[in-house]
Full PDB file with SEQRES, HELIX, SHEET, SSBOND, CRYST1, ORIGX, SCALE, CONECT and MASTER records, all heavy atoms in Angstrom:
SEQRES   1 A   36  GLU PHE VAL ILE ALA VAL SER TRP ASN GLY GLY ARG THR          
SEQRES   2 A   36  ASP TYR ALA HIS SER VAL LYS GLY ARG PHE THR ILE SER          
SEQRES   3 A   36  ARG ASP ASN ALA LYS ASN THR VAL TYR LEU                      
SHEET    1 AA1 2 ILE A   4  VAL A   6  0                                        
SHEET    2 AA1 2 THR A  13  TYR A  15 -1                                        
SHEET    1 AA2 2 SER A  26  ASP A  28  0                                        
SHEET    2 AA2 2 THR A  33  TYR A  35 -1                                        
CRYST1    1.000    1.000    1.000  90.00  90.00  90.00 P 1           1          
ORIGX1      1.000000  0.000000  0.000000        0.00000                         
ORIGX2      0.000000  1.000000  0.000000        0.00000                         
ORIGX3      0.000000  0.000000  1.000000        0.00000                         
SCALE1      1.000000  0.000000  0.000000        0.00000                         
SCALE2      0.000000  1.000000  0.000000        0.00000                         
SCALE3      0.000000  0.000000  1.000000        0.00000                         
ATOM      1  N   GLU A   1       4.669 -14.328  -1.681  1.00  0.00           N  
ATOM      2  CA  GLU A   1       5.411 -13.283  -2.348  1.00  0.00           C  
ATOM      3  C   GLU A   1       4.911 -11.907  -1.944  1.00  0.00           C  
ATOM      4  O   GLU A   1       3.753 -11.717  -1.560  1.00  0.00           O  
ATOM      5  CB  GLU A   1       5.326 -13.438  -3.870  1.00  0.00           C  
ATOM      6  CG  GLU A   1       3.933 -13.242  -4.436  1.00  0.00           C  
ATOM      7  CD  GLU A   1       3.898 -13.298  -5.951  1.00  0.00           C  
ATOM      8  OE1 GLU A   1       4.965 -13.432  -6.576  1.00  0.00           O  
ATOM      9  OE2 GLU A   1       2.785 -13.205  -6.523  1.00  0.00           O  
ATOM     10  N   PHE A   2       5.790 -10.954  -2.071  1.00  0.00           N  
ATOM     11  CA  PHE A   2       5.485  -9.573  -1.761  1.00  0.00           C  
ATOM     12  C   PHE A   2       4.584  -8.970  -2.821  1.00  0.00           C  
ATOM     13  O   PHE A   2       4.737  -9.249  -4.015  1.00  0.00           O  
ATOM     14  CB  PHE A   2       6.783  -8.774  -1.659  1.00  0.00           C  
ATOM     15  CG  PHE A   2       6.591  -7.285  -1.628  1.00  0.00           C  
ATOM     16  CD1 PHE A   2       6.109  -6.650  -0.501  1.00  0.00           C  
ATOM     17  CD2 PHE A   2       6.909  -6.519  -2.731  1.00  0.00           C  
ATOM     18  CE1 PHE A   2       5.933  -5.282  -0.464  1.00  0.00           C  
ATOM     19  CE2 PHE A   2       6.753  -5.147  -2.711  1.00  0.00           C  
ATOM     20  CZ  PHE A   2       6.261  -4.531  -1.573  1.00  0.00           C  
ATOM     21  N   VAL A   3       3.650  -8.129  -2.391  1.00  0.00           N  
ATOM     22  CA  VAL A   3       2.744  -7.464  -3.308  1.00  0.00           C  
ATOM     23  C   VAL A   3       2.951  -5.953  -3.286  1.00  0.00           C  
ATOM     24  O   VAL A   3       3.299  -5.336  -4.300  1.00  0.00           O  
ATOM     25  CB  VAL A   3       1.271  -7.786  -2.990  1.00  0.00           C  
ATOM     26  CG1 VAL A   3       0.340  -7.021  -3.928  1.00  0.00           C  
ATOM     27  CG2 VAL A   3       1.018  -9.282  -3.096  1.00  0.00           C  
ATOM     28  N   ILE A   4       2.736  -5.346  -2.120  1.00  0.00           N  
ATOM     29  CA  ILE A   4       2.808  -3.899  -2.004  1.00  0.00           C  
ATOM     30  C   ILE A   4       2.951  -3.526  -0.536  1.00  0.00           C  
ATOM     31  O   ILE A   4       2.511  -4.266   0.343  1.00  0.00           O  
ATOM     32  CB  ILE A   4       1.540  -3.244  -2.617  1.00  0.00           C  
ATOM     33  CG1 ILE A   4       1.701  -1.744  -2.812  1.00  0.00           C  
ATOM     34  CG2 ILE A   4       0.313  -3.558  -1.774  1.00  0.00           C  
ATOM     35  CD1 ILE A   4       0.572  -1.121  -3.627  1.00  0.00           C  
ATOM     36  N   ALA A   5       3.581  -2.397  -0.257  1.00  0.00           N  
ATOM     37  CA  ALA A   5       3.754  -1.950   1.118  1.00  0.00           C  
ATOM     38  C   ALA A   5       3.802  -0.432   1.167  1.00  0.00           C  
ATOM     39  O   ALA A   5       4.129   0.229   0.175  1.00  0.00           O  
ATOM     40  CB  ALA A   5       5.029  -2.533   1.723  1.00  0.00           C  
ATOM     41  N   VAL A   6       3.496   0.114   2.331  1.00  0.00           N  
ATOM     42  CA  VAL A   6       3.510   1.552   2.540  1.00  0.00           C  
ATOM     43  C   VAL A   6       4.164   1.855   3.876  1.00  0.00           C  
ATOM     44  O   VAL A   6       4.019   1.095   4.842  1.00  0.00           O  
ATOM     45  CB  VAL A   6       2.073   2.134   2.478  1.00  0.00           C  
ATOM     46  CG1 VAL A   6       1.215   1.602   3.623  1.00  0.00           C  
ATOM     47  CG2 VAL A   6       2.109   3.660   2.489  1.00  0.00           C  
ATOM     48  N   SER A   7       4.906   2.953   3.923  1.00  0.00           N  
ATOM     49  CA  SER A   7       5.546   3.375   5.158  1.00  0.00           C  
ATOM     50  C   SER A   7       4.503   3.845   6.164  1.00  0.00           C  
ATOM     51  O   SER A   7       3.334   4.048   5.832  1.00  0.00           O  
ATOM     52  CB  SER A   7       6.556   4.487   4.876  1.00  0.00           C  
ATOM     53  OG  SER A   7       5.917   5.624   4.321  1.00  0.00           O  
ATOM     54  N   TRP A   8       4.942   4.045   7.377  1.00  0.00           N  
ATOM     55  CA  TRP A   8       4.019   4.392   8.460  1.00  0.00           C  
ATOM     56  C   TRP A   8       3.261   5.682   8.185  1.00  0.00           C  
ATOM     57  O   TRP A   8       2.096   5.815   8.587  1.00  0.00           O  
ATOM     58  CB  TRP A   8       4.772   4.507   9.788  1.00  0.00           C  
ATOM     59  CG  TRP A   8       5.605   5.756   9.902  1.00  0.00           C  
ATOM     60  CD1 TRP A   8       6.872   5.952   9.433  1.00  0.00           C  
ATOM     61  CD2 TRP A   8       5.209   6.982  10.519  1.00  0.00           C  
ATOM     62  NE1 TRP A   8       7.301   7.213   9.721  1.00  0.00           N  
ATOM     63  CE2 TRP A   8       6.295   7.876  10.395  1.00  0.00           C  
ATOM     64  CE3 TRP A   8       4.056   7.410  11.175  1.00  0.00           C  
ATOM     65  CZ2 TRP A   8       6.262   9.172  10.893  1.00  0.00           C  
ATOM     66  CZ3 TRP A   8       4.011   8.703  11.676  1.00  0.00           C  
ATOM     67  CH2 TRP A   8       5.105   9.560  11.531  1.00  0.00           C  
ATOM     68  N   ASN A   9       3.910   6.623   7.506  1.00  0.00           N  
ATOM     69  CA  ASN A   9       3.286   7.914   7.256  1.00  0.00           C  
ATOM     70  C   ASN A   9       2.787   8.060   5.815  1.00  0.00           C  
ATOM     71  O   ASN A   9       2.367   9.145   5.419  1.00  0.00           O  
ATOM     72  CB  ASN A   9       4.254   9.044   7.585  1.00  0.00           C  
ATOM     73  CG  ASN A   9       5.501   9.031   6.717  1.00  0.00           C  
ATOM     74  OD1 ASN A   9       5.723   8.099   5.944  1.00  0.00           O  
ATOM     75  ND2 ASN A   9       6.311  10.070   6.842  1.00  0.00           N  
ATOM     76  N   GLY A  10       2.846   6.991   5.044  1.00  0.00           N  
ATOM     77  CA  GLY A  10       2.375   7.035   3.678  1.00  0.00           C  
ATOM     78  C   GLY A  10       3.313   7.699   2.696  1.00  0.00           C  
ATOM     79  O   GLY A  10       2.947   7.895   1.532  1.00  0.00           O  
ATOM     80  N   GLY A  11       4.518   8.040   3.128  1.00  0.00           N  
ATOM     81  CA  GLY A  11       5.440   8.760   2.275  1.00  0.00           C  
ATOM     82  C   GLY A  11       6.186   7.913   1.261  1.00  0.00           C  
ATOM     83  O   GLY A  11       6.784   8.456   0.334  1.00  0.00           O  
ATOM     84  N   ARG A  12       6.170   6.617   1.426  1.00  0.00           N  
ATOM     85  CA  ARG A  12       6.887   5.734   0.528  1.00  0.00           C  
ATOM     86  C   ARG A  12       6.060   4.484   0.275  1.00  0.00           C  
ATOM     87  O   ARG A  12       5.493   3.913   1.211  1.00  0.00           O  
ATOM     88  CB  ARG A  12       8.253   5.348   1.109  1.00  0.00           C  
ATOM     89  CG  ARG A  12       9.100   4.488   0.183  1.00  0.00           C  
ATOM     90  CD  ARG A  12      10.338   3.991   0.904  1.00  0.00           C  
ATOM     91  NE  ARG A  12      11.184   3.184   0.050  1.00  0.00           N  
ATOM     92  CZ  ARG A  12      12.256   3.630  -0.600  1.00  0.00           C  
ATOM     93  NH1 ARG A  12      12.637   4.899  -0.457  1.00  0.00           N  
ATOM     94  NH2 ARG A  12      12.961   2.823  -1.367  1.00  0.00           N  
ATOM     95  N   THR A  13       5.986   4.068  -0.971  1.00  0.00           N  
ATOM     96  CA  THR A  13       5.266   2.865  -1.358  1.00  0.00           C  
ATOM     97  C   THR A  13       6.156   2.008  -2.238  1.00  0.00           C  
ATOM     98  O   THR A  13       6.792   2.515  -3.164  1.00  0.00           O  
ATOM     99  CB  THR A  13       3.971   3.205  -2.106  1.00  0.00           C  
ATOM    100  OG1 THR A  13       3.132   4.025  -1.291  1.00  0.00           O  
ATOM    101  CG2 THR A  13       3.215   1.937  -2.466  1.00  0.00           C  
ATOM    102  N   ASP A  14       6.219   0.726  -1.953  1.00  0.00           N  
ATOM    103  CA  ASP A  14       6.943  -0.231  -2.772  1.00  0.00           C  
ATOM    104  C   ASP A  14       5.951  -1.184  -3.427  1.00  0.00           C  
ATOM    105  O   ASP A  14       4.962  -1.580  -2.814  1.00  0.00           O  
ATOM    106  CB  ASP A  14       7.949  -1.026  -1.935  1.00  0.00           C  
ATOM    107  CG  ASP A  14       9.143  -0.203  -1.505  1.00  0.00           C  
ATOM    108  OD1 ASP A  14       9.405   0.837  -2.136  1.00  0.00           O  
ATOM    109  OD2 ASP A  14       9.821  -0.594  -0.536  1.00  0.00           O  
ATOM    110  N   TYR A  15       6.235  -1.549  -4.675  1.00  0.00           N  
ATOM    111  CA  TYR A  15       5.350  -2.411  -5.439  1.00  0.00           C  
ATOM    112  C   TYR A  15       6.118  -3.596  -6.011  1.00  0.00           C  
ATOM    113  O   TYR A  15       7.274  -3.454  -6.406  1.00  0.00           O  
ATOM    114  CB  TYR A  15       4.727  -1.672  -6.623  1.00  0.00           C  
ATOM    115  CG  TYR A  15       3.985  -0.407  -6.325  1.00  0.00           C  
ATOM    116  CD1 TYR A  15       4.650   0.803  -6.191  1.00  0.00           C  
ATOM    117  CD2 TYR A  15       2.603  -0.418  -6.211  1.00  0.00           C  
ATOM    118  CE1 TYR A  15       3.958   1.975  -5.943  1.00  0.00           C  
ATOM    119  CE2 TYR A  15       1.906   0.752  -5.967  1.00  0.00           C  
ATOM    120  CZ  TYR A  15       2.585   1.944  -5.834  1.00  0.00           C  
ATOM    121  OH  TYR A  15       1.883   3.101  -5.592  1.00  0.00           O  
ATOM    122  N   ALA A  16       5.444  -4.722  -6.103  1.00  0.00           N  
ATOM    123  CA  ALA A  16       5.958  -5.808  -6.917  1.00  0.00           C  
ATOM    124  C   ALA A  16       5.738  -5.450  -8.382  1.00  0.00           C  
ATOM    125  O   ALA A  16       4.745  -4.803  -8.741  1.00  0.00           O  
ATOM    126  CB  ALA A  16       5.254  -7.116  -6.577  1.00  0.00           C  
ATOM    127  N   HIS A  17       6.658  -5.863  -9.237  1.00  0.00           N  
ATOM    128  CA  HIS A  17       6.559  -5.536 -10.653  1.00  0.00           C  
ATOM    129  C   HIS A  17       5.239  -6.026 -11.255  1.00  0.00           C  
ATOM    130  O   HIS A  17       4.650  -5.357 -12.114  1.00  0.00           O  
ATOM    131  CB  HIS A  17       7.735  -6.134 -11.417  1.00  0.00           C  
ATOM    132  CG  HIS A  17       7.674  -5.916 -12.893  1.00  0.00           C  
ATOM    133  ND1 HIS A  17       7.921  -4.698 -13.464  1.00  0.00           N  
ATOM    134  CD2 HIS A  17       7.371  -6.763 -13.912  1.00  0.00           C  
ATOM    135  CE1 HIS A  17       7.784  -4.785 -14.774  1.00  0.00           C  
ATOM    136  NE2 HIS A  17       7.451  -6.042 -15.066  1.00  0.00           N  
ATOM    137  N   SER A  18       4.768  -7.168 -10.801  1.00  0.00           N  
ATOM    138  CA  SER A  18       3.587  -7.775 -11.376  1.00  0.00           C  
ATOM    139  C   SER A  18       2.295  -6.998 -11.106  1.00  0.00           C  
ATOM    140  O   SER A  18       1.299  -7.200 -11.809  1.00  0.00           O  
ATOM    141  CB  SER A  18       3.425  -9.214 -10.862  1.00  0.00           C  
ATOM    142  OG  SER A  18       3.289  -9.233  -9.455  1.00  0.00           O  
ATOM    143  N   VAL A  19       2.298  -6.118 -10.100  1.00  0.00           N  
ATOM    144  CA  VAL A  19       1.079  -5.399  -9.747  1.00  0.00           C  
ATOM    145  C   VAL A  19       1.204  -3.895  -9.925  1.00  0.00           C  
ATOM    146  O   VAL A  19       0.205  -3.177  -9.754  1.00  0.00           O  
ATOM    147  CB  VAL A  19       0.640  -5.704  -8.302  1.00  0.00           C  
ATOM    148  CG1 VAL A  19       0.499  -7.203  -8.097  1.00  0.00           C  
ATOM    149  CG2 VAL A  19       1.626  -5.113  -7.297  1.00  0.00           C  
ATOM    150  N   LYS A  20       2.364  -3.413 -10.273  1.00  0.00           N  
ATOM    151  CA  LYS A  20       2.575  -1.976 -10.406  1.00  0.00           C  
ATOM    152  C   LYS A  20       1.655  -1.408 -11.482  1.00  0.00           C  
ATOM    153  O   LYS A  20       1.559  -1.940 -12.582  1.00  0.00           O  
ATOM    154  CB  LYS A  20       4.024  -1.682 -10.743  1.00  0.00           C  
ATOM    155  CG  LYS A  20       4.414  -0.228 -10.575  1.00  0.00           C  
ATOM    156  CD  LYS A  20       5.915  -0.039 -10.698  1.00  0.00           C  
ATOM    157  CE  LYS A  20       6.331   1.383 -10.383  1.00  0.00           C  
ATOM    158  NZ  LYS A  20       7.806   1.554 -10.450  1.00  0.00           N  
ATOM    159  N   GLY A  21       0.987  -0.322 -11.129  1.00  0.00           N  
ATOM    160  CA  GLY A  21       0.043   0.288 -12.040  1.00  0.00           C  
ATOM    161  C   GLY A  21      -1.363  -0.256 -11.926  1.00  0.00           C  
ATOM    162  O   GLY A  21      -2.298   0.327 -12.501  1.00  0.00           O  
ATOM    163  N   ARG A  22      -1.539  -1.346 -11.206  1.00  0.00           N  
ATOM    164  CA  ARG A  22      -2.861  -1.946 -11.038  1.00  0.00           C  
ATOM    165  C   ARG A  22      -3.338  -1.929  -9.585  1.00  0.00           C  
ATOM    166  O   ARG A  22      -4.529  -1.767  -9.329  1.00  0.00           O  
ATOM    167  CB  ARG A  22      -2.873  -3.394 -11.537  1.00  0.00           C  
ATOM    168  CG  ARG A  22      -2.556  -3.542 -13.020  1.00  0.00           C  
ATOM    169  CD  ARG A  22      -2.776  -4.979 -13.489  1.00  0.00           C  
ATOM    170  NE  ARG A  22      -1.900  -5.916 -12.802  1.00  0.00           N  
ATOM    171  CZ  ARG A  22      -2.326  -6.950 -12.075  1.00  0.00           C  
ATOM    172  NH1 ARG A  22      -3.626  -7.174 -11.943  1.00  0.00           N  
ATOM    173  NH2 ARG A  22      -1.449  -7.758 -11.502  1.00  0.00           N  
ATOM    174  N   PHE A  23      -2.415  -2.095  -8.655  1.00  0.00           N  
ATOM    175  CA  PHE A  23      -2.770  -2.171  -7.236  1.00  0.00           C  
ATOM    176  C   PHE A  23      -2.359  -0.893  -6.517  1.00  0.00           C  
ATOM    177  O   PHE A  23      -1.324  -0.293  -6.833  1.00  0.00           O  
ATOM    178  CB  PHE A  23      -2.077  -3.352  -6.564  1.00  0.00           C  
ATOM    179  CG  PHE A  23      -2.600  -4.703  -6.959  1.00  0.00           C  
ATOM    180  CD1 PHE A  23      -3.443  -4.870  -8.043  1.00  0.00           C  
ATOM    181  CD2 PHE A  23      -2.230  -5.823  -6.231  1.00  0.00           C  
ATOM    182  CE1 PHE A  23      -3.912  -6.121  -8.402  1.00  0.00           C  
ATOM    183  CE2 PHE A  23      -2.697  -7.081  -6.577  1.00  0.00           C  
ATOM    184  CZ  PHE A  23      -3.538  -7.229  -7.668  1.00  0.00           C  
ATOM    185  N   THR A  24      -3.145  -0.508  -5.533  1.00  0.00           N  
ATOM    186  CA  THR A  24      -2.869   0.669  -4.727  1.00  0.00           C  
ATOM    187  C   THR A  24      -3.125   0.358  -3.261  1.00  0.00           C  
ATOM    188  O   THR A  24      -4.104  -0.302  -2.934  1.00  0.00           O  
ATOM    189  CB  THR A  24      -3.754   1.860  -5.149  1.00  0.00           C  
ATOM    190  OG1 THR A  24      -3.542   2.157  -6.537  1.00  0.00           O  
ATOM    191  CG2 THR A  24      -3.417   3.103  -4.332  1.00  0.00           C  
ATOM    192  N   ILE A  25      -2.251   0.842  -2.408  1.00  0.00           N  
ATOM    193  CA  ILE A  25      -2.436   0.670  -0.975  1.00  0.00           C  
ATOM    194  C   ILE A  25      -2.783   2.021  -0.360  1.00  0.00           C  
ATOM    195  O   ILE A  25      -2.245   3.054  -0.748  1.00  0.00           O  
ATOM    196  CB  ILE A  25      -1.179   0.063  -0.314  1.00  0.00           C  
ATOM    197  CG1 ILE A  25      -1.451  -0.295   1.145  1.00  0.00           C  
ATOM    198  CG2 ILE A  25       0.023   0.994  -0.434  1.00  0.00           C  
ATOM    199  CD1 ILE A  25      -0.336  -1.109   1.785  1.00  0.00           C  
ATOM    200  N   SER A  26      -3.682   2.011   0.597  1.00  0.00           N  
ATOM    201  CA  SER A  26      -4.083   3.228   1.281  1.00  0.00           C  
ATOM    202  C   SER A  26      -4.472   2.889   2.714  1.00  0.00           C  
ATOM    203  O   SER A  26      -4.641   1.722   3.061  1.00  0.00           O  
ATOM    204  CB  SER A  26      -5.251   3.915   0.560  1.00  0.00           C  
ATOM    205  OG  SER A  26      -6.397   3.085   0.548  1.00  0.00           O  
ATOM    206  N   ARG A  27      -4.612   3.922   3.520  1.00  0.00           N  
ATOM    207  CA  ARG A  27      -4.988   3.683   4.906  1.00  0.00           C  
ATOM    208  C   ARG A  27      -5.925   4.763   5.397  1.00  0.00           C  
ATOM    209  O   ARG A  27      -5.831   5.928   5.012  1.00  0.00           O  
ATOM    210  CB  ARG A  27      -3.739   3.577   5.792  1.00  0.00           C  
ATOM    211  CG  ARG A  27      -2.836   4.803   5.818  1.00  0.00           C  
ATOM    212  CD  ARG A  27      -1.438   4.446   6.327  1.00  0.00           C  
ATOM    213  NE  ARG A  27      -1.482   3.675   7.565  1.00  0.00           N  
ATOM    214  CZ  ARG A  27      -0.454   3.000   8.069  1.00  0.00           C  
ATOM    215  NH1 ARG A  27       0.708   2.982   7.424  1.00  0.00           N  
ATOM    216  NH2 ARG A  27      -0.589   2.335   9.207  1.00  0.00           N  
ATOM    217  N   ASP A  28      -6.831   4.350   6.264  1.00  0.00           N  
ATOM    218  CA  ASP A  28      -7.776   5.237   6.907  1.00  0.00           C  
ATOM    219  C   ASP A  28      -7.515   5.132   8.401  1.00  0.00           C  
ATOM    220  O   ASP A  28      -7.990   4.203   9.060  1.00  0.00           O  
ATOM    221  CB  ASP A  28      -9.209   4.843   6.564  1.00  0.00           C  
ATOM    222  CG  ASP A  28     -10.232   5.824   7.103  1.00  0.00           C  
ATOM    223  OD1 ASP A  28      -9.927   6.572   8.047  1.00  0.00           O  
ATOM    224  OD2 ASP A  28     -11.366   5.850   6.571  1.00  0.00           O  
ATOM    225  N   ASN A  29      -6.762   6.069   8.920  1.00  0.00           N  
ATOM    226  CA  ASN A  29      -6.374   5.998  10.323  1.00  0.00           C  
ATOM    227  C   ASN A  29      -7.563   6.132  11.268  1.00  0.00           C  
ATOM    228  O   ASN A  29      -7.559   5.563  12.359  1.00  0.00           O  
ATOM    229  CB  ASN A  29      -5.338   7.072  10.635  1.00  0.00           C  
ATOM    230  CG  ASN A  29      -3.997   6.786   9.997  1.00  0.00           C  
ATOM    231  OD1 ASN A  29      -3.649   5.635   9.737  1.00  0.00           O  
ATOM    232  ND2 ASN A  29      -3.221   7.836   9.744  1.00  0.00           N  
ATOM    233  N   ALA A  30      -8.577   6.875  10.864  1.00  0.00           N  
ATOM    234  CA  ALA A  30      -9.759   7.032  11.700  1.00  0.00           C  
ATOM    235  C   ALA A  30     -10.474   5.702  11.903  1.00  0.00           C  
ATOM    236  O   ALA A  30     -11.074   5.473  12.959  1.00  0.00           O  
ATOM    237  CB  ALA A  30     -10.705   8.061  11.096  1.00  0.00           C  
ATOM    238  N   LYS A  31     -10.420   4.832  10.898  1.00  0.00           N  
ATOM    239  CA  LYS A  31     -11.057   3.521  10.978  1.00  0.00           C  
ATOM    240  C   LYS A  31     -10.072   2.419  11.348  1.00  0.00           C  
ATOM    241  O   LYS A  31     -10.457   1.255  11.455  1.00  0.00           O  
ATOM    242  CB  LYS A  31     -11.729   3.178   9.656  1.00  0.00           C  
ATOM    243  CG  LYS A  31     -12.838   4.132   9.260  1.00  0.00           C  
ATOM    244  CD  LYS A  31     -13.475   3.743   7.941  1.00  0.00           C  
ATOM    245  CE  LYS A  31     -14.197   2.418   8.039  1.00  0.00           C  
ATOM    246  NZ  LYS A  31     -14.925   2.090   6.783  1.00  0.00           N  
ATOM    247  N   ASN A  32      -8.805   2.784  11.525  1.00  0.00           N  
ATOM    248  CA  ASN A  32      -7.766   1.818  11.868  1.00  0.00           C  
ATOM    249  C   ASN A  32      -7.719   0.681  10.848  1.00  0.00           C  
ATOM    250  O   ASN A  32      -7.614  -0.499  11.203  1.00  0.00           O  
ATOM    251  CB  ASN A  32      -7.991   1.252  13.271  1.00  0.00           C  
ATOM    252  CG  ASN A  32      -6.716   1.172  14.085  1.00  0.00           C  
ATOM    253  OD1 ASN A  32      -5.731   1.845  13.803  1.00  0.00           O  
ATOM    254  ND2 ASN A  32      -6.733   0.335  15.120  1.00  0.00           N  
ATOM    255  N   THR A  33      -7.773   1.058   9.581  1.00  0.00           N  
ATOM    256  CA  THR A  33      -7.876   0.088   8.500  1.00  0.00           C  
ATOM    257  C   THR A  33      -6.950   0.452   7.352  1.00  0.00           C  
ATOM    258  O   THR A  33      -6.793   1.633   7.028  1.00  0.00           O  
ATOM    259  CB  THR A  33      -9.320   0.006   7.979  1.00  0.00           C  
ATOM    260  OG1 THR A  33     -10.192  -0.378   9.050  1.00  0.00           O  
ATOM    261  CG2 THR A  33      -9.444  -1.011   6.860  1.00  0.00           C  
ATOM    262  N   VAL A  34      -6.343  -0.560   6.753  1.00  0.00           N  
ATOM    263  CA  VAL A  34      -5.534  -0.414   5.550  1.00  0.00           C  
ATOM    264  C   VAL A  34      -6.234  -1.149   4.416  1.00  0.00           C  
ATOM    265  O   VAL A  34      -6.789  -2.231   4.616  1.00  0.00           O  
ATOM    266  CB  VAL A  34      -4.112  -0.960   5.763  1.00  0.00           C  
ATOM    267  CG1 VAL A  34      -3.337  -0.984   4.450  1.00  0.00           C  
ATOM    268  CG2 VAL A  34      -3.374  -0.107   6.786  1.00  0.00           C  
ATOM    269  N   TYR A  35      -6.187  -0.570   3.219  1.00  0.00           N  
ATOM    270  CA  TYR A  35      -6.883  -1.134   2.077  1.00  0.00           C  
ATOM    271  C   TYR A  35      -5.907  -1.510   0.972  1.00  0.00           C  
ATOM    272  O   TYR A  35      -4.860  -0.890   0.795  1.00  0.00           O  
ATOM    273  CB  TYR A  35      -7.895  -0.138   1.510  1.00  0.00           C  
ATOM    274  CG  TYR A  35      -8.935   0.312   2.508  1.00  0.00           C  
ATOM    275  CD1 TYR A  35      -8.796   1.521   3.184  1.00  0.00           C  
ATOM    276  CD2 TYR A  35     -10.054  -0.466   2.772  1.00  0.00           C  
ATOM    277  CE1 TYR A  35      -9.742   1.945   4.094  1.00  0.00           C  
ATOM    278  CE2 TYR A  35     -11.006  -0.048   3.681  1.00  0.00           C  
ATOM    279  CZ  TYR A  35     -10.850   1.152   4.342  1.00  0.00           C  
ATOM    280  OH  TYR A  35     -11.790   1.570   5.254  1.00  0.00           O  
ATOM    281  N   LEU A  36      -6.283  -2.523   0.228  1.00  0.00           N  
ATOM    282  CA  LEU A  36      -5.591  -2.892  -0.996  1.00  0.00           C  
ATOM    283  C   LEU A  36      -6.607  -2.814  -2.127  1.00  0.00           C  
ATOM    284  O   LEU A  36      -7.513  -3.648  -2.211  1.00  0.00           O  
ATOM    285  CB  LEU A  36      -4.990  -4.298  -0.909  1.00  0.00           C  
ATOM    286  CG  LEU A  36      -4.361  -4.836  -2.194  1.00  0.00           C  
ATOM    287  CD1 LEU A  36      -3.197  -3.949  -2.633  1.00  0.00           C  
ATOM    288  CD2 LEU A  36      -3.891  -6.275  -2.006  1.00  0.00           C  
TER     289      LEU A  36                                                      
MASTER        0    0    0    0    4    0    0    6  288    1    0    3          
END                                                                             
């Protein structure tokens, strides 16, 4: 099942209802890493 996603530039984030308000997605381009 889907959890969370972010657009290439971070301008849009989609959440599953079950995790909204609890989970956050972010990215560190310098480290080439995405975090949940």
